[in-house]
Each structure stands twice: as C-alpha cells, then as structure tokens.
C-alpha cells in the first residue's frame, strides 16, 4: 500500500491523508467487513498513532477489532495484531491495566496462530517493553 510507504519514508501526514482516502474507497468498494477493508482501517489507525492521534486510533482499532472477530475468529493472527496495537494505544492513554491485559492476550493469540517466537509476538513484546521504559506501564520486577 502506498500509504504505508509514505510512513516508511517518514512523511507521516501524507501517509495518514493517503490512507484516509484509500480506506474510504475500500469501504465503498468492498464493504465494512471485507478483509481488505479491515486491514486498511488497521493501517490507518497505526498512521494515526504515528501522528499522535491516540484517541482517534483507539476508536478506529476498537471498531476494526469488533468487525474482525466475526470475520476471522478470535484466534487469527490479525486479531492478535489489532489487539497489541490497541494495547499500545491504551498504555499511551494511561490505561495501564487494560494495556497489560491486551498485550498478554495479543501475544497468546499470536503465539497460537503463528507459533512461539514469531515476529509479530516479538513486535508486541517490544512495544510492551517500550511502554514500560516510558513509564506508561508498570515495570516488572526481575525474578529472584
């Protein structure tokens, strides 16, 4: 998707604007619950996070997850990916208990769907650890 490429190149406002147009077209062409529409909305939510629009991203990812569950089921990797992005947003918005539970749930779904040690679970753990380092989640005490 060209919108994702704008993000990789660092043009975050252009990324979000492109994805907004792309998602509107996808909704019109494929409908609310088509996998391509769900993926487009997820990419738009991530662009919103990159642009600091956490509340908007949270609302969009909540709608995306609600629509994705009946399409994919609760053990599909896409559900896990949307869930860890929602957990990251929750941490940024100060909802640490929700974030901790969301990261744990997402990692469990991703490990089941893709196998332990997969790159998506690693990304979820990296984001969780970033939120901990930023003081947005409680630190975990080292085991004795």
Protein backbone atom coordinates (compact mmCIF):
# COMPACT_ATOMS: atom_id res chain seq x y z
CA UNK A 1 0.00 0.00 0.00
CA UNK A 2 1.36 3.40 -0.97
CA UNK A 3 0.19 4.89 2.33
CA UNK A 4 2.43 2.51 4.26
CA UNK A 5 5.35 3.50 2.02
CA UNK A 6 4.77 7.17 2.88
CA UNK A 7 5.09 6.19 6.53
CA UNK A 8 8.30 4.24 5.94
CA UNK A 9 9.73 7.27 4.14
CA UNK A 10 8.86 9.45 7.14
CA UNK A 11 6.09 11.52 5.55
CA UNK A 12 3.56 10.75 8.29
CA UNK A 13 0.95 13.43 7.46
CA UNK A 14 0.92 12.33 3.82
CA UNK A 15 0.67 8.69 4.95
CA UNK A 16 -2.41 9.37 7.02
CA UNK A 17 -4.09 11.50 4.34
CA UNK A 18 -3.49 8.83 1.71
CA UNK A 19 -4.78 6.06 3.97
CA UNK A 20 -7.92 8.05 4.82
CA UNK A 21 -8.73 8.32 1.11
CA UNK A 22 -7.74 4.71 0.46
CA UNK A 23 -9.91 3.38 3.30
CA UNK A 24 -12.91 5.44 2.18
CA UNK A 25 -12.58 3.89 -1.28
CA UNK A 26 -12.12 0.41 0.20
CA UNK A 27 -15.25 0.79 2.34
CA UNK A 28 -17.25 1.85 -0.72
CA UNK A 29 -15.88 -0.89 -2.97
CA UNK A 30 -15.66 -3.87 -0.63
CA UNK A 31 -17.86 -3.12 2.38
CA UNK A 32 -17.20 -2.73 6.11
CA UNK A 33 -16.27 -6.33 6.89
CA UNK A 34 -14.12 -7.30 3.93
CA UNK A 35 -10.61 -8.35 4.99
CA UNK A 36 -9.05 -5.67 2.77
CA UNK A 37 -11.18 -3.00 4.46
CA UNK A 38 -10.22 -4.27 7.91
CA UNK A 39 -6.52 -4.22 7.01
CA UNK A 40 -6.85 -0.72 5.54
CA UNK A 41 -8.55 0.55 8.70
CA UNK A 42 -5.84 -1.05 10.84
CA UNK A 43 -3.12 0.62 8.76
CA UNK A 44 -4.93 3.95 9.12
CA UNK A 45 -5.11 3.50 12.90
CA UNK A 46 -1.37 2.86 13.00
CA UNK A 47 -0.81 6.04 10.97
CA UNK A 48 -2.96 7.91 13.48
CA UNK A 49 -0.72 6.59 16.28
CA UNK A 50 2.35 7.75 14.36
CA UNK A 51 0.74 11.20 14.11
CA UNK A 52 -0.13 11.33 17.83
CA UNK A 53 -3.88 10.92 17.31
CA UNK A 54 -4.24 8.25 20.00
CA UNK A 55 -7.92 8.70 20.84
CA UNK A 56 -8.91 8.54 17.15
CA UNK A 57 -6.68 5.50 16.61
CA UNK A 58 -8.15 3.80 19.69
CA UNK A 59 -11.72 4.30 18.45
CA UNK A 60 -10.85 3.06 14.95
CA UNK A 61 -8.99 -0.03 16.23
CA UNK A 62 -11.91 -0.84 18.56
CA UNK A 63 -14.29 -0.76 15.58
CA UNK A 64 -11.83 -2.74 13.46
CA UNK A 65 -11.47 -5.43 16.11
CA UNK A 66 -15.24 -5.68 16.61
CA UNK A 67 -15.68 -6.21 12.86
CA UNK A 68 -12.67 -8.55 12.52
CA UNK A 69 -13.73 -11.04 15.19
CA UNK A 70 -16.75 -12.44 13.27
CA UNK A 71 -14.75 -12.45 10.02
CA UNK A 72 -11.55 -14.12 11.26
CA UNK A 73 -12.38 -15.62 14.66
CA UNK A 74 -10.62 -14.88 17.95
CA UNK A 75 -7.51 -16.97 17.22
CA UNK A 76 -6.50 -15.39 13.90
CA UNK A 77 -3.19 -13.53 13.76
CA UNK A 78 -4.87 -10.34 12.50
CA UNK A 79 -6.95 -10.22 15.69
CA UNK A 80 -3.71 -10.54 17.66
CA UNK A 81 -2.07 -7.72 15.70
CA UNK A 82 -5.01 -5.35 16.16
CA UNK A 83 -5.10 -6.32 19.85
CA UNK A 84 -1.46 -5.43 20.51
CA UNK A 85 -1.83 -2.11 18.73
CA UNK A 86 -4.89 -1.39 20.89
CA UNK A 87 -2.83 -2.35 23.97
CA UNK A 88 -0.08 0.05 22.90
CA UNK A 89 -2.63 2.83 22.47
CA UNK A 90 -4.21 2.06 25.85
CA UNK A 91 -0.79 2.39 27.51
CA UNK A 92 -0.18 5.73 25.78
CA UNK A 93 -3.58 6.92 27.02
CA UNK A 94 -2.82 5.92 30.63
CA UNK A 95 -4.98 2.79 30.77
CA UNK A 96 -2.20 0.52 32.05
CA UNK A 97 -4.32 -2.39 33.34
CA UNK A 98 -6.14 -2.61 30.02
CA UNK A 99 -2.82 -2.37 28.18
CA UNK A 100 -1.17 -5.15 30.21
CA UNK A 101 -4.14 -7.46 29.65
CA UNK A 102 -4.24 -6.54 25.95
CA UNK A 103 -0.56 -7.27 25.40
CA UNK A 104 -0.83 -10.61 27.21
CA UNK A 105 -3.91 -11.61 25.20
CA UNK A 106 -2.41 -10.49 21.89
CA UNK A 107 0.84 -12.37 22.47
CA UNK A 108 -1.09 -15.53 23.38
CA UNK A 109 -3.19 -15.26 20.19
CA UNK A 110 -0.12 -14.62 18.04
CA UNK A 111 1.84 -17.49 19.60
CA UNK A 112 -1.08 -19.85 18.99
CA UNK A 113 -1.70 -18.64 15.44
CA UNK A 114 1.91 -18.30 14.29
CA UNK A 115 3.94 -20.41 16.74
CA UNK A 116 6.03 -19.29 19.66
CA UNK A 117 8.90 -16.95 18.85
CA UNK A 118 7.19 -15.42 15.80
CA UNK A 119 8.00 -11.89 14.65
CA UNK A 120 4.54 -10.49 15.45
CA UNK A 121 4.75 -11.64 19.09
CA UNK A 122 8.25 -10.17 19.24
CA UNK A 123 6.87 -6.85 17.97
CA UNK A 124 4.11 -6.90 20.61
CA UNK A 125 6.69 -7.61 23.33
CA UNK A 126 8.93 -4.81 22.01
CA UNK A 127 6.05 -2.33 22.15
CA UNK A 128 5.09 -3.51 25.64
CA UNK A 129 8.68 -3.06 26.78
CA UNK A 130 8.84 0.42 25.19
CA UNK A 131 5.72 1.44 27.10
CA UNK A 132 7.31 0.10 30.31
CA UNK A 133 10.53 2.03 29.64
CA UNK A 134 8.48 5.16 29.02
CA UNK A 135 6.74 4.71 32.39
CA UNK A 136 3.37 4.07 30.71
CA UNK A 137 3.20 0.54 32.14
CA UNK A 138 4.46 -0.73 35.47
CA UNK A 139 7.90 -2.29 35.43
CA UNK A 140 8.12 -5.99 36.02
CA UNK A 141 10.43 -6.94 38.89
CA UNK A 142 13.16 -9.38 37.97
CA UNK A 143 12.73 -12.88 39.31
CA UNK A 144 15.00 -13.72 42.29
